[in-house]
Amino acid sequence: MRSWAAKHPRLLLLAFPLWGDPKSFADMPEEKLWQRILGVLALVSAATAPWTTACLELQGWLLDMGEAKAVAESGQVAFDQFQTALEFALPIYVALVGALILFTATIAMLMHRLEIMVTHLDVRARPKVGFRFHVVQISSIALYLGLPVACFAWFLSHRTAVEPVLSKALVSPLILLPACLWLLLRPALRRNRTTLQKRLFGNATRALVASILSTAVCIGVLFTLRATLE
């Protein structure tokens, strides 16, 4: 499974909710720094793809809607220049979404370290998983949230052509397919969540207590900083 995950990082993001065993991440052999960086970039790029697609689709949709008004107010030349400038938006979207995923993974890692220190009552306590685990976890969440957003953005851009097909799909029995998949995969999702909690904390109750206590500590620190600054 580790070999398959290394060769198919994008498929790993889809399989993570069903197979996200922290033990496998802990048992991974040490890699060179550039190999780790490439692995992280592969995961993050896969997670950013649907969000970037959604941004580009929404950008094109908004341009088409506001073209007549923009040309009337600013002129065709100004609108063409603005449209040319937007051609460089792709790397900006990729950088912003990728940075947000890495930032969220970093916050998740720090919060998990705090949870381990709180539950063990030891500032030197170390978690069983590192940054790679949180990158995969956050990237998987971003991918699953980004796919429906990208589909909705694509629908807005191609609404005229899609609406006849969509109306037929809504009355088809195939519309129940996502619900059937959810019912079939729900036991595996619950089992994976229970395994994660057991591996990382010992049991679900301890995981809940760790989350509550660490959140309370963070809120206390924020209120202390606010009072100090005032």
C-alpha atoms as a PDB file:
ATOM      1  CA  MET A   1       0.000   0.000   0.000  1.00  0.00           C
ATOM      2  CA  ARG A   2       2.866   2.397   0.778  1.00  0.00           C
ATOM      3  CA  SER A   3       4.428   1.658  -2.609  1.00  0.00           C
ATOM      4  CA  TRP A   4       1.089   2.249  -4.355  1.00  0.00           C
ATOM      5  CA  ALA A   5       0.596   5.513  -2.457  1.00  0.00           C
ATOM      6  CA  ALA A   6       4.059   6.709  -3.458  1.00  0.00           C
ATOM      7  CA  LYS A   7       3.347   6.037  -7.143  1.00  0.00           C
ATOM      8  CA  HIS A   8      -0.204   7.427  -7.134  1.00  0.00           C
ATOM      9  CA  PRO A   9      -0.265  10.443  -4.802  1.00  0.00           C
ATOM     10  CA  ARG A  10      -3.436  11.853  -6.359  1.00  0.00           C
ATOM     11  CA  LEU A  11      -5.330   8.601  -5.864  1.00  0.00           C
ATOM     12  CA  LEU A  12      -4.052   8.558  -2.288  1.00  0.00           C
ATOM     13  CA  LEU A  13      -6.046  11.723  -1.632  1.00  0.00           C
ATOM     14  CA  LEU A  14      -9.230   9.982  -2.789  1.00  0.00           C
ATOM     15  CA  ALA A  15      -8.488   6.881  -0.716  1.00  0.00           C
ATOM     16  CA  PHE A  16      -7.409   8.723   2.427  1.00  0.00           C
ATOM     17  CA  PRO A  17     -10.877   8.945   4.066  1.00  0.00           C
ATOM     18  CA  LEU A  18     -11.138   5.156   3.662  1.00  0.00           C
ATOM     19  CA  TRP A  19      -7.480   4.372   4.394  1.00  0.00           C
ATOM     20  CA  GLY A  20      -5.656   6.898   6.533  1.00  0.00           C
ATOM     21  CA  ASP A  21      -3.712   4.721   8.928  1.00  0.00           C
ATOM     22  CA  PRO A  22      -1.192   6.839  10.917  1.00  0.00           C
ATOM     23  CA  LYS A  23       0.879   3.714  11.500  1.00  0.00           C
ATOM     24  CA  SER A  24       1.724   3.542   7.796  1.00  0.00           C
ATOM     25  CA  PHE A  25       2.932   7.141   7.858  1.00  0.00           C
ATOM     26  CA  ALA A  26       5.085   6.431  10.892  1.00  0.00           C
ATOM     27  CA  ASP A  27       6.595   3.343   9.229  1.00  0.00           C
ATOM     28  CA  MET A  28       7.536   5.152   6.022  1.00  0.00           C
ATOM     29  CA  PRO A  29      11.309   5.086   5.417  1.00  0.00           C
ATOM     30  CA  GLU A  30      13.237   8.318   5.571  1.00  0.00           C
ATOM     31  CA  GLU A  31      13.558  10.057   2.222  1.00  0.00           C
ATOM     32  CA  LYS A  32      15.818  12.742   0.882  1.00  0.00           C
ATOM     33  CA  LEU A  33      14.662  16.325   1.305  1.00  0.00           C
ATOM     34  CA  TRP A  34      13.954  16.871  -2.397  1.00  0.00           C
ATOM     35  CA  GLN A  35      11.886  13.665  -2.511  1.00  0.00           C
ATOM     36  CA  ARG A  36       9.787  14.904   0.401  1.00  0.00           C
ATOM     37  CA  ILE A  37       9.306  18.281  -1.258  1.00  0.00           C
ATOM     38  CA  LEU A  38       8.243  16.655  -4.534  1.00  0.00           C
ATOM     39  CA  GLY A  39       5.822  14.381  -2.685  1.00  0.00           C
ATOM     40  CA  VAL A  40       4.236  17.300  -0.863  1.00  0.00           C
ATOM     41  CA  LEU A  41       4.001  19.319  -4.084  1.00  0.00           C
ATOM     42  CA  ALA A  42       2.332  16.408  -5.884  1.00  0.00           C
ATOM     43  CA  LEU A  43      -0.312  16.104  -3.172  1.00  0.00           C
ATOM     44  CA  VAL A  44      -0.934  19.833  -2.901  1.00  0.00           C
ATOM     45  CA  SER A  45      -1.080  20.302  -6.682  1.00  0.00           C
ATOM     46  CA  ALA A  46      -3.710  17.579  -6.959  1.00  0.00           C
ATOM     47  CA  ALA A  47      -5.781  19.275  -4.254  1.00  0.00           C
ATOM     48  CA  THR A  48      -5.441  22.711  -5.838  1.00  0.00           C
ATOM     49  CA  ALA A  49      -6.530  21.527  -9.310  1.00  0.00           C
ATOM     50  CA  PRO A  50     -10.328  21.598  -8.745  1.00  0.00           C
ATOM     51  CA  TRP A  51     -10.176  24.925  -6.893  1.00  0.00           C
ATOM     52  CA  THR A  52      -8.071  26.494  -9.639  1.00  0.00           C
ATOM     53  CA  THR A  53     -10.476  25.161 -12.242  1.00  0.00           C
ATOM     54  CA  ALA A  54     -13.390  26.621 -10.297  1.00  0.00           C
ATOM     55  CA  CYS A  55     -11.698  30.020 -10.079  1.00  0.00           C
ATOM     56  CA  LEU A  56     -11.014  30.078 -13.815  1.00  0.00           C
ATOM     57  CA  GLU A  57     -14.560  29.007 -14.659  1.00  0.00           C
ATOM     58  CA  LEU A  58     -16.049  31.668 -12.371  1.00  0.00           C
ATOM     59  CA  GLN A  59     -13.658  34.236 -13.817  1.00  0.00           C
ATOM     60  CA  GLY A  60     -14.816  33.467 -17.351  1.00  0.00           C
ATOM     61  CA  TRP A  61     -18.466  33.469 -16.276  1.00  0.00           C
ATOM     62  CA  LEU A  62     -18.156  36.868 -14.583  1.00  0.00           C
ATOM     63  CA  LEU A  63     -16.317  38.303 -17.588  1.00  0.00           C
ATOM     64  CA  ASP A  64     -19.040  37.148 -19.959  1.00  0.00           C
ATOM     65  CA  MET A  65     -21.744  38.617 -17.733  1.00  0.00           C
ATOM     66  CA  GLY A  66     -20.042  41.989 -17.266  1.00  0.00           C
ATOM     67  CA  GLU A  67     -18.461  42.412 -20.695  1.00  0.00           C
ATOM     68  CA  ALA A  68     -21.169  44.629 -22.166  1.00  0.00           C
ATOM     69  CA  LYS A  69     -21.272  46.921 -19.137  1.00  0.00           C
ATOM     70  CA  ALA A  70     -17.469  47.125 -18.860  1.00  0.00           C
ATOM     71  CA  VAL A  71     -17.071  47.969 -22.561  1.00  0.00           C
ATOM     72  CA  ALA A  72     -19.750  50.649 -22.302  1.00  0.00           C
ATOM     73  CA  GLU A  73     -18.102  52.268 -19.274  1.00  0.00           C
ATOM     74  CA  SER A  74     -14.377  51.845 -20.009  1.00  0.00           C
ATOM     75  CA  GLY A  75     -14.161  51.004 -23.701  1.00  0.00           C
ATOM     76  CA  GLN A  76     -13.187  47.921 -25.656  1.00  0.00           C
ATOM     77  CA  VAL A  77      -9.440  48.600 -25.417  1.00  0.00           C
ATOM     78  CA  ALA A  78      -9.473  48.830 -21.617  1.00  0.00           C
ATOM     79  CA  PHE A  79     -11.560  45.648 -21.367  1.00  0.00           C
ATOM     80  CA  ASP A  80      -9.183  43.777 -23.686  1.00  0.00           C
ATOM     81  CA  GLN A  81      -6.204  44.895 -21.594  1.00  0.00           C
ATOM     82  CA  PHE A  82      -7.930  43.733 -18.413  1.00  0.00           C
ATOM     83  CA  GLN A  83      -8.762  40.406 -20.029  1.00  0.00           C
ATOM     84  CA  THR A  84      -5.132  40.000 -21.130  1.00  0.00           C
ATOM     85  CA  ALA A  85      -3.934  40.691 -17.586  1.00  0.00           C
ATOM     86  CA  LEU A  86      -6.231  37.946 -16.282  1.00  0.00           C
ATOM     87  CA  GLU A  87      -4.368  35.403 -18.411  1.00  0.00           C
ATOM     88  CA  PHE A  88      -1.681  35.440 -15.714  1.00  0.00           C
ATOM     89  CA  ALA A  89      -4.233  34.598 -12.999  1.00  0.00           C
ATOM     90  CA  LEU A  90      -3.659  30.826 -13.214  1.00  0.00           C
ATOM     91  CA  PRO A  91      -0.306  30.740 -11.346  1.00  0.00           C
ATOM     92  CA  ILE A  92      -1.696  33.213  -8.815  1.00  0.00           C
ATOM     93  CA  TYR A  93      -4.688  30.960  -8.083  1.00  0.00           C
ATOM     94  CA  VAL A  94      -2.418  27.923  -7.801  1.00  0.00           C
ATOM     95  CA  ALA A  95      -0.040  29.716  -5.432  1.00  0.00           C
ATOM     96  CA  LEU A  96      -2.836  31.081  -3.237  1.00  0.00           C
ATOM     97  CA  VAL A  97      -4.715  27.791  -2.900  1.00  0.00           C
ATOM     98  CA  GLY A  98      -1.499  25.804  -2.389  1.00  0.00           C
ATOM     99  CA  ALA A  99      -0.290  28.241   0.272  1.00  0.00           C
ATOM    100  CA  LEU A 100      -3.655  28.030   2.031  1.00  0.00           C
ATOM    101  CA  ILE A 101      -3.503  24.212   2.085  1.00  0.00           C
ATOM    102  CA  LEU A 102       0.052  24.208   3.455  1.00  0.00           C
ATOM    103  CA  PHE A 103      -0.847  26.867   6.033  1.00  0.00           C
ATOM    104  CA  THR A 104      -3.895  24.862   7.162  1.00  0.00           C
ATOM    105  CA  ALA A 105      -1.788  21.688   7.378  1.00  0.00           C
ATOM    106  CA  THR A 106       0.739  23.547   9.523  1.00  0.00           C
ATOM    107  CA  ILE A 107      -2.010  24.767  11.865  1.00  0.00           C
ATOM    108  CA  ALA A 108      -3.404  21.214  12.052  1.00  0.00           C
ATOM    109  CA  MET A 109       0.060  19.871  12.918  1.00  0.00           C
ATOM    110  CA  LEU A 110       0.569  22.460  15.662  1.00  0.00           C
ATOM    111  CA  MET A 111      -2.897  21.819  17.079  1.00  0.00           C
ATOM    112  CA  HIS A 112      -2.239  18.092  17.116  1.00  0.00           C
ATOM    113  CA  ARG A 113       1.057  18.634  18.949  1.00  0.00           C
ATOM    114  CA  LEU A 114      -0.817  20.731  21.493  1.00  0.00           C
ATOM    115  CA  GLU A 115      -3.436  18.000  21.899  1.00  0.00           C
ATOM    116  CA  ILE A 116      -0.731  15.400  22.562  1.00  0.00           C
ATOM    117  CA  MET A 117       1.003  17.641  25.111  1.00  0.00           C
ATOM    118  CA  VAL A 118      -2.307  18.329  26.871  1.00  0.00           C
ATOM    119  CA  THR A 119      -3.383  14.679  27.036  1.00  0.00           C
ATOM    120  CA  HIS A 120       0.057  13.524  28.219  1.00  0.00           C
ATOM    121  CA  LEU A 121       0.617  16.543  30.491  1.00  0.00           C
ATOM    122  CA  ASP A 122       4.137  16.704  29.073  1.00  0.00           C
ATOM    123  CA  VAL A 123       5.523  19.511  26.907  1.00  0.00           C
ATOM    124  CA  ARG A 124       8.113  17.083  25.520  1.00  0.00           C
ATOM    125  CA  ALA A 125       5.501  14.613  24.264  1.00  0.00           C
ATOM    126  CA  ARG A 126       5.673  14.048  20.533  1.00  0.00           C
ATOM    127  CA  PRO A 127       2.849  12.879  18.230  1.00  0.00           C
ATOM    128  CA  LYS A 128       3.023   9.664  16.236  1.00  0.00           C
ATOM    129  CA  VAL A 129       2.619  11.442  12.900  1.00  0.00           C
ATOM    130  CA  GLY A 130       4.427  14.337  11.303  1.00  0.00           C
ATOM    131  CA  PHE A 131       3.744  17.081   8.808  1.00  0.00           C
ATOM    132  CA  ARG A 132       3.301  14.645   5.893  1.00  0.00           C
ATOM    133  CA  PHE A 133       0.224  13.088   7.512  1.00  0.00           C
ATOM    134  CA  HIS A 134      -1.452  16.474   7.959  1.00  0.00           C
ATOM    135  CA  VAL A 135      -0.614  17.523   4.387  1.00  0.00           C
ATOM    136  CA  VAL A 136      -2.335  14.405   3.054  1.00  0.00           C
ATOM    137  CA  GLN A 137      -5.294  14.893   5.390  1.00  0.00           C
ATOM    138  CA  ILE A 138      -5.881  18.567   4.532  1.00  0.00           C
ATOM    139  CA  SER A 139      -5.219  17.978   0.825  1.00  0.00           C
ATOM    140  CA  SER A 140      -7.778  15.171   0.814  1.00  0.00           C
ATOM    141  CA  ILE A 141     -10.375  17.426   2.451  1.00  0.00           C
ATOM    142  CA  ALA A 142      -9.572  20.220  -0.020  1.00  0.00           C
ATOM    143  CA  LEU A 143      -9.912  17.816  -2.946  1.00  0.00           C
ATOM    144  CA  TYR A 144     -13.289  16.455  -1.846  1.00  0.00           C
ATOM    145  CA  LEU A 145     -14.622  19.972  -1.201  1.00  0.00           C
ATOM    146  CA  GLY A 146     -13.120  21.338  -4.423  1.00  0.00           C
ATOM    147  CA  LEU A 147     -14.649  18.757  -6.765  1.00  0.00           C
ATOM    148  CA  PRO A 148     -18.305  19.825  -6.232  1.00  0.00           C
ATOM    149  CA  VAL A 149     -17.273  23.492  -6.278  1.00  0.00           C
ATOM    150  CA  ALA A 150     -15.531  22.972  -9.620  1.00  0.00           C
ATOM    151  CA  CYS A 151     -18.590  21.144 -10.980  1.00  0.00           C
ATOM    152  CA  PHE A 152     -20.871  23.982  -9.876  1.00  0.00           C
ATOM    153  CA  ALA A 153     -18.568  26.603 -11.439  1.00  0.00           C
ATOM    154  CA  TRP A 154     -18.456  24.598 -14.667  1.00  0.00           C
ATOM    155  CA  PHE A 155     -22.265  24.412 -14.618  1.00  0.00           C
ATOM    156  CA  LEU A 156     -22.510  28.206 -14.348  1.00  0.00           C
ATOM    157  CA  SER A 157     -20.187  28.655 -17.312  1.00  0.00           C
ATOM    158  CA  HIS A 158     -22.040  26.114 -19.472  1.00  0.00           C
ATOM    159  CA  ARG A 159     -25.513  26.517 -18.063  1.00  0.00           C
ATOM    160  CA  THR A 160     -27.291  26.827 -21.397  1.00  0.00           C
ATOM    161  CA  ALA A 161     -25.899  23.572 -22.748  1.00  0.00           C
ATOM    162  CA  VAL A 162     -26.122  21.637 -19.480  1.00  0.00           C
ATOM    163  CA  GLU A 163     -29.655  22.516 -18.333  1.00  0.00           C
ATOM    164  CA  PRO A 164     -31.469  20.160 -20.795  1.00  0.00           C
ATOM    165  CA  VAL A 165     -29.232  17.253 -19.789  1.00  0.00           C
ATOM    166  CA  LEU A 166     -29.519  18.148 -16.099  1.00  0.00           C
ATOM    167  CA  SER A 167     -33.309  18.200 -16.206  1.00  0.00           C
ATOM    168  CA  LYS A 168     -33.297  14.646 -17.598  1.00  0.00           C
ATOM    169  CA  ALA A 169     -30.704  13.500 -15.043  1.00  0.00           C
ATOM    170  CA  LEU A 170     -32.795  14.791 -12.132  1.00  0.00           C
ATOM    171  CA  VAL A 171     -35.711  12.520 -13.045  1.00  0.00           C
ATOM    172  CA  SER A 172     -33.446   9.539 -13.668  1.00  0.00           C
ATOM    173  CA  PRO A 173     -32.914   6.814 -11.022  1.00  0.00           C
ATOM    174  CA  LEU A 174     -29.173   7.481 -11.361  1.00  0.00           C
ATOM    175  CA  ILE A 175     -29.664  10.581  -9.206  1.00  0.00           C
ATOM    176  CA  LEU A 176     -29.770   8.185  -6.233  1.00  0.00           C
ATOM    177  CA  LEU A 177     -26.275   6.869  -7.024  1.00  0.00           C
ATOM    178  CA  PRO A 178     -24.388   9.373  -4.768  1.00  0.00           C
ATOM    179  CA  ALA A 179     -26.676   8.507  -1.844  1.00  0.00           C
ATOM    180  CA  CYS A 180     -26.119   4.786  -2.434  1.00  0.00           C
ATOM    181  CA  LEU A 181     -22.355   5.289  -2.527  1.00  0.00           C
ATOM    182  CA  TRP A 182     -22.520   7.263   0.709  1.00  0.00           C
ATOM    183  CA  LEU A 183     -24.469   4.472   2.432  1.00  0.00           C
ATOM    184  CA  LEU A 184     -22.006   1.864   1.175  1.00  0.00           C
ATOM    185  CA  LEU A 185     -18.905   3.840   2.143  1.00  0.00           C
ATOM    186  CA  ARG A 186     -20.208   5.155   5.466  1.00  0.00           C
ATOM    187  CA  PRO A 187     -19.105   2.089   7.504  1.00  0.00           C
ATOM    188  CA  ALA A 188     -15.607   2.325   6.042  1.00  0.00           C
ATOM    189  CA  LEU A 189     -15.475   6.071   6.807  1.00  0.00           C
ATOM    190  CA  ARG A 190     -16.599   5.464  10.394  1.00  0.00           C
ATOM    191  CA  ARG A 191     -14.120   2.629  10.794  1.00  0.00           C
ATOM    192  CA  ASN A 192     -11.286   4.769   9.458  1.00  0.00           C
ATOM    193  CA  ARG A 193     -12.177   7.648  11.793  1.00  0.00           C
ATOM    194  CA  THR A 194     -12.246   5.279  14.761  1.00  0.00           C
ATOM    195  CA  THR A 195      -8.871   3.847  13.736  1.00  0.00           C
ATOM    196  CA  LEU A 196      -7.387   7.332  13.476  1.00  0.00           C
ATOM    197  CA  GLN A 197      -8.611   8.265  16.943  1.00  0.00           C
ATOM    198  CA  LYS A 198      -7.364   5.007  18.423  1.00  0.00           C
ATOM    199  CA  ARG A 199      -3.929   5.264  16.808  1.00  0.00           C
ATOM    200  CA  LEU A 200      -3.408   8.909  17.712  1.00  0.00           C
ATOM    201  CA  PHE A 201      -5.069   9.176  21.128  1.00  0.00           C
ATOM    202  CA  GLY A 202      -6.086   5.733  22.355  1.00  0.00           C
ATOM    203  CA  ASN A 203      -9.873   6.071  21.983  1.00  0.00           C
ATOM    204  CA  ALA A 204     -12.577   8.440  20.770  1.00  0.00           C
ATOM    205  CA  THR A 205     -13.284   9.869  24.242  1.00  0.00           C
ATOM    206  CA  ARG A 206      -9.676  10.826  24.743  1.00  0.00           C
ATOM    207  CA  ALA A 207      -9.612  12.425  21.282  1.00  0.00           C
ATOM    208  CA  LEU A 208     -12.677  14.519  22.172  1.00  0.00           C
ATOM    209  CA  VAL A 209     -11.152  15.590  25.494  1.00  0.00           C
ATOM    210  CA  ALA A 210      -7.877  16.479  23.767  1.00  0.00           C
ATOM    211  CA  SER A 211      -9.716  18.603  21.201  1.00  0.00           C
ATOM    212  CA  ILE A 212     -11.744  20.434  23.872  1.00  0.00           C
ATOM    213  CA  LEU A 213      -8.757  21.094  26.147  1.00  0.00           C
ATOM    214  CA  SER A 214      -6.450  22.226  23.334  1.00  0.00           C
ATOM    215  CA  THR A 215      -9.143  24.560  21.993  1.00  0.00           C
ATOM    216  CA  ALA A 216      -9.622  25.986  25.480  1.00  0.00           C
ATOM    217  CA  VAL A 217      -5.866  26.543  25.800  1.00  0.00           C
ATOM    218  CA  CYS A 218      -5.742  28.366  22.439  1.00  0.00           C
ATOM    219  CA  ILE A 219      -8.699  30.578  23.363  1.00  0.00           C
ATOM    220  CA  GLY A 220      -7.065  31.360  26.720  1.00  0.00           C
ATOM    221  CA  VAL A 221      -3.802  32.324  25.019  1.00  0.00           C
ATOM    222  CA  LEU A 222      -5.626  34.568  22.546  1.00  0.00           C
ATOM    223  CA  PHE A 223      -7.546  36.348  25.328  1.00  0.00           C
ATOM    224  CA  THR A 224      -4.303  36.763  27.284  1.00  0.00           C
ATOM    225  CA  LEU A 225      -2.549  38.282  24.281  1.00  0.00           C
ATOM    226  CA  ARG A 226      -5.488  40.607  23.671  1.00  0.00           C
ATOM    227  CA  ALA A 227      -5.501  41.754  27.288  1.00  0.00           C
ATOM    228  CA  THR A 228      -1.738  42.252  27.225  1.00  0.00           C
ATOM    229  CA  LEU A 229      -1.863  44.324  24.030  1.00  0.00           C
ATOM    230  CA  GLU A 230      -4.638  46.510  25.385  1.00  0.00           C
END
